[in-house]
């Protein structure tokens, strides 16, 4: 769920993993809510860290993109 959210294709790996869970469909159904909750928490934390990092980078970046000669 997390990798799909960020556009990373892990389908080849995930298919086998999910197939293991599919052997016990009741267990998979029970776990689904917790899995989704955990994935949402991970996504929220990654987004928060990315936002913080972006803010750090933009604070350090010079406002004027010109070089020492005043040219862009």
C-alpha atoms as a PDB file:
ATOM      1  CA  UNK A   1       0.000   0.000   0.000  1.00  0.00           C
ATOM      2  CA  UNK A   2       2.771   2.399   0.915  1.00  0.00           C
ATOM      3  CA  UNK A   3       4.905   1.749  -2.144  1.00  0.00           C
ATOM      4  CA  UNK A   4       1.876   1.979  -4.430  1.00  0.00           C
ATOM      5  CA  UNK A   5       1.006   5.366  -2.872  1.00  0.00           C
ATOM      6  CA  UNK A   6       4.448   6.652  -3.851  1.00  0.00           C
ATOM      7  CA  UNK A   7       4.325   5.122  -7.334  1.00  0.00           C
ATOM      8  CA  UNK A   8       6.825   2.326  -6.689  1.00  0.00           C
ATOM      9  CA  UNK A   9       5.929  -0.900  -8.463  1.00  0.00           C
ATOM     10  CA  UNK A  10       6.397  -3.881  -6.153  1.00  0.00           C
ATOM     11  CA  UNK A  11       3.659  -6.008  -7.694  1.00  0.00           C
ATOM     12  CA  UNK A  12       5.986  -8.882  -8.609  1.00  0.00           C
ATOM     13  CA  UNK A  13       7.164  -9.167  -5.009  1.00  0.00           C
ATOM     14  CA  UNK A  14       3.781  -8.450  -3.441  1.00  0.00           C
ATOM     15  CA  UNK A  15       1.906 -11.092  -5.423  1.00  0.00           C
ATOM     16  CA  UNK A  16       3.712 -13.973  -3.712  1.00  0.00           C
ATOM     17  CA  UNK A  17       3.388 -12.377  -0.310  1.00  0.00           C
ATOM     18  CA  UNK A  18      -0.341 -11.811  -0.752  1.00  0.00           C
ATOM     19  CA  UNK A  19      -0.773 -15.368  -2.041  1.00  0.00           C
ATOM     20  CA  UNK A  20       0.587 -16.614   1.289  1.00  0.00           C
ATOM     21  CA  UNK A  21      -2.079 -14.627   3.131  1.00  0.00           C
ATOM     22  CA  UNK A  22      -4.784 -15.807   0.738  1.00  0.00           C
ATOM     23  CA  UNK A  23      -4.394 -19.344   2.073  1.00  0.00           C
ATOM     24  CA  UNK A  24      -6.108 -18.120   5.234  1.00  0.00           C
ATOM     25  CA  UNK A  25      -8.677 -15.657   3.928  1.00  0.00           C
ATOM     26  CA  UNK A  26     -10.241 -15.107   7.345  1.00  0.00           C
ATOM     27  CA  UNK A  27      -6.914 -14.116   8.845  1.00  0.00           C
ATOM     28  CA  UNK A  28      -6.269 -11.820   5.886  1.00  0.00           C
ATOM     29  CA  UNK A  29      -9.642 -10.125   6.338  1.00  0.00           C
ATOM     30  CA  UNK A  30      -9.014  -9.652  10.055  1.00  0.00           C
ATOM     31  CA  UNK A  31      -5.595  -8.166   9.417  1.00  0.00           C
ATOM     32  CA  UNK A  32      -6.667  -5.857   6.600  1.00  0.00           C
ATOM     33  CA  UNK A  33      -7.890  -3.038   8.865  1.00  0.00           C
ATOM     34  CA  UNK A  34      -4.687  -3.053  10.888  1.00  0.00           C
ATOM     35  CA  UNK A  35      -2.582  -3.232   7.735  1.00  0.00           C
ATOM     36  CA  UNK A  36      -4.395  -0.235   6.244  1.00  0.00           C
ATOM     37  CA  UNK A  37      -4.088   1.745   9.488  1.00  0.00           C
ATOM     38  CA  UNK A  38      -0.360   1.030   9.670  1.00  0.00           C
ATOM     39  CA  UNK A  39       0.159   1.917   5.998  1.00  0.00           C
ATOM     40  CA  UNK A  40      -1.676   5.222   6.510  1.00  0.00           C
ATOM     41  CA  UNK A  41       0.525   6.019   9.522  1.00  0.00           C
ATOM     42  CA  UNK A  42       3.681   5.262   7.538  1.00  0.00           C
ATOM     43  CA  UNK A  43       2.524   7.445   4.625  1.00  0.00           C
ATOM     44  CA  UNK A  44       1.611  10.287   6.980  1.00  0.00           C
ATOM     45  CA  UNK A  45       5.041  10.107   8.664  1.00  0.00           C
ATOM     46  CA  UNK A  46       6.947   9.971   5.359  1.00  0.00           C
ATOM     47  CA  UNK A  47       4.951  12.938   4.034  1.00  0.00           C
ATOM     48  CA  UNK A  48       5.671  14.863   7.236  1.00  0.00           C
ATOM     49  CA  UNK A  49       9.402  14.130   7.027  1.00  0.00           C
ATOM     50  CA  UNK A  50       9.453  15.067   3.331  1.00  0.00           C
ATOM     51  CA  UNK A  51       7.695  18.350   4.125  1.00  0.00           C
ATOM     52  CA  UNK A  52      10.207  19.130   6.869  1.00  0.00           C
ATOM     53  CA  UNK A  53      13.126  18.290   4.580  1.00  0.00           C
ATOM     54  CA  UNK A  54      11.687  20.442   1.798  1.00  0.00           C
ATOM     55  CA  UNK A  55      11.351  23.354   4.217  1.00  0.00           C
ATOM     56  CA  UNK A  56      14.972  22.906   5.347  1.00  0.00           C
ATOM     57  CA  UNK A  57      16.237  22.847   1.774  1.00  0.00           C
ATOM     58  CA  UNK A  58      14.247  25.899   0.705  1.00  0.00           C
ATOM     59  CA  UNK A  59      15.433  27.872   3.751  1.00  0.00           C
ATOM     60  CA  UNK A  60      19.045  27.161   2.786  1.00  0.00           C
ATOM     61  CA  UNK A  61      18.567  27.907  -0.901  1.00  0.00           C
ATOM     62  CA  UNK A  62      19.506  31.442  -1.926  1.00  0.00           C
ATOM     63  CA  UNK A  63      16.529  33.583  -2.836  1.00  0.00           C
ATOM     64  CA  UNK A  64      18.413  35.133  -5.790  1.00  0.00           C
ATOM     65  CA  UNK A  65      19.389  32.491  -8.336  1.00  0.00           C
ATOM     66  CA  UNK A  66      21.910  34.792 -10.062  1.00  0.00           C
ATOM     67  CA  UNK A  67      25.619  33.974  -9.976  1.00  0.00           C
ATOM     68  CA  UNK A  68      28.308  36.301  -8.622  1.00  0.00           C
ATOM     69  CA  UNK A  69      28.147  38.375 -11.845  1.00  0.00           C
ATOM     70  CA  UNK A  70      24.447  39.075 -11.472  1.00  0.00           C
ATOM     71  CA  UNK A  71      23.497  36.829 -14.380  1.00  0.00           C
ATOM     72  CA  UNK A  72      20.901  34.036 -14.226  1.00  0.00           C
END
